[in-house]
């Protein structure tokens, strides 16, 4: 997977990972991929809801130890 931008949201709690991802996505072109690394367990459902509400595709979600990886495709 070719990631275009990466956002480190480790240590941030809701709603900060979503707000920072939203800001990062506005600087990206349609179709580009944003990888978000978070440590907030609530980020899994937060990014699912964010994707549904904004139309940005949630391409992938992974849990690696205590980190949660979210990959979004800019609409």
Protein backbone atom coordinates (compact mmCIF):
# COMPACT_ATOMS: atom_id res chain seq x y z
CA UNK A 1 0.00 0.00 0.00
CA UNK A 2 1.38 3.37 -1.03
CA UNK A 3 0.80 5.78 1.89
CA UNK A 4 0.87 9.45 0.88
CA UNK A 5 0.85 10.98 4.36
CA UNK A 6 1.24 9.73 7.93
CA UNK A 7 -0.21 11.23 11.10
CA UNK A 8 1.13 10.35 14.55
CA UNK A 9 -1.79 10.65 16.99
CA UNK A 10 -0.20 8.56 19.76
CA UNK A 11 -1.10 9.77 23.23
CA UNK A 12 -4.05 11.82 21.98
CA UNK A 13 -7.58 11.04 23.14
CA UNK A 14 -10.89 11.58 21.38
CA UNK A 15 -11.63 13.79 19.54
CA UNK A 16 -8.07 14.92 18.77
CA UNK A 17 -7.06 12.00 16.44
CA UNK A 18 -10.18 12.63 14.33
CA UNK A 19 -9.69 16.41 14.27
CA UNK A 20 -6.06 16.08 13.22
CA UNK A 21 -6.94 13.51 10.56
CA UNK A 22 -9.66 15.80 9.21
CA UNK A 23 -7.16 18.66 8.96
CA UNK A 24 -4.55 16.45 7.27
CA UNK A 25 -7.10 15.16 4.74
CA UNK A 26 -8.00 18.70 3.66
CA UNK A 27 -4.38 19.17 2.50
CA UNK A 28 -4.45 15.99 0.41
CA UNK A 29 -5.68 15.25 -3.10
CA UNK A 30 -8.60 12.98 -3.88
CA UNK A 31 -7.57 9.31 -3.81
CA UNK A 32 -4.50 9.81 -1.64
CA UNK A 33 -3.99 7.66 1.46
CA UNK A 34 -3.55 8.90 5.03
CA UNK A 35 -2.18 6.56 7.70
CA UNK A 36 -3.09 7.47 11.29
CA UNK A 37 -1.32 5.85 14.25
CA UNK A 38 -3.31 6.21 17.49
CA UNK A 39 -3.20 4.76 21.00
CA UNK A 40 -6.80 5.57 21.96
CA UNK A 41 -8.85 2.32 21.82
CA UNK A 42 -11.95 4.41 21.00
CA UNK A 43 -10.30 5.49 17.76
CA UNK A 44 -11.44 2.25 16.09
CA UNK A 45 -15.14 3.14 16.24
CA UNK A 46 -14.39 6.87 15.92
CA UNK A 47 -12.70 6.40 12.53
CA UNK A 48 -15.48 4.07 11.36
CA UNK A 49 -18.06 6.77 12.16
CA UNK A 50 -15.85 9.51 10.67
CA UNK A 51 -15.60 7.55 7.42
CA UNK A 52 -19.37 7.08 7.18
CA UNK A 53 -20.07 10.75 7.93
CA UNK A 54 -17.47 12.30 5.62
CA UNK A 55 -17.36 9.89 2.68
CA UNK A 56 -13.63 9.30 3.09
CA UNK A 57 -13.02 5.56 2.64
CA UNK A 58 -11.67 3.61 5.62
CA UNK A 59 -9.33 1.31 3.71
CA UNK A 60 -7.85 -0.58 6.64
CA UNK A 61 -7.76 -0.82 10.43
CA UNK A 62 -5.18 -2.81 12.39
CA UNK A 63 -4.21 -3.30 16.00
CA UNK A 64 -0.47 -3.66 16.60
CA UNK A 65 0.18 -4.10 20.30
CA UNK A 66 -1.19 -0.97 21.95
CA UNK A 67 -1.34 1.01 18.69
CA UNK A 68 -4.26 1.31 16.33
CA UNK A 69 -3.53 1.90 12.65
CA UNK A 70 -6.16 3.51 10.44
CA UNK A 71 -5.76 4.07 6.70
CA UNK A 72 -8.13 6.51 5.02
CA UNK A 73 -8.53 7.33 1.33
CA UNK A 74 -9.33 10.99 0.64
CA UNK A 75 -12.66 11.32 -1.19
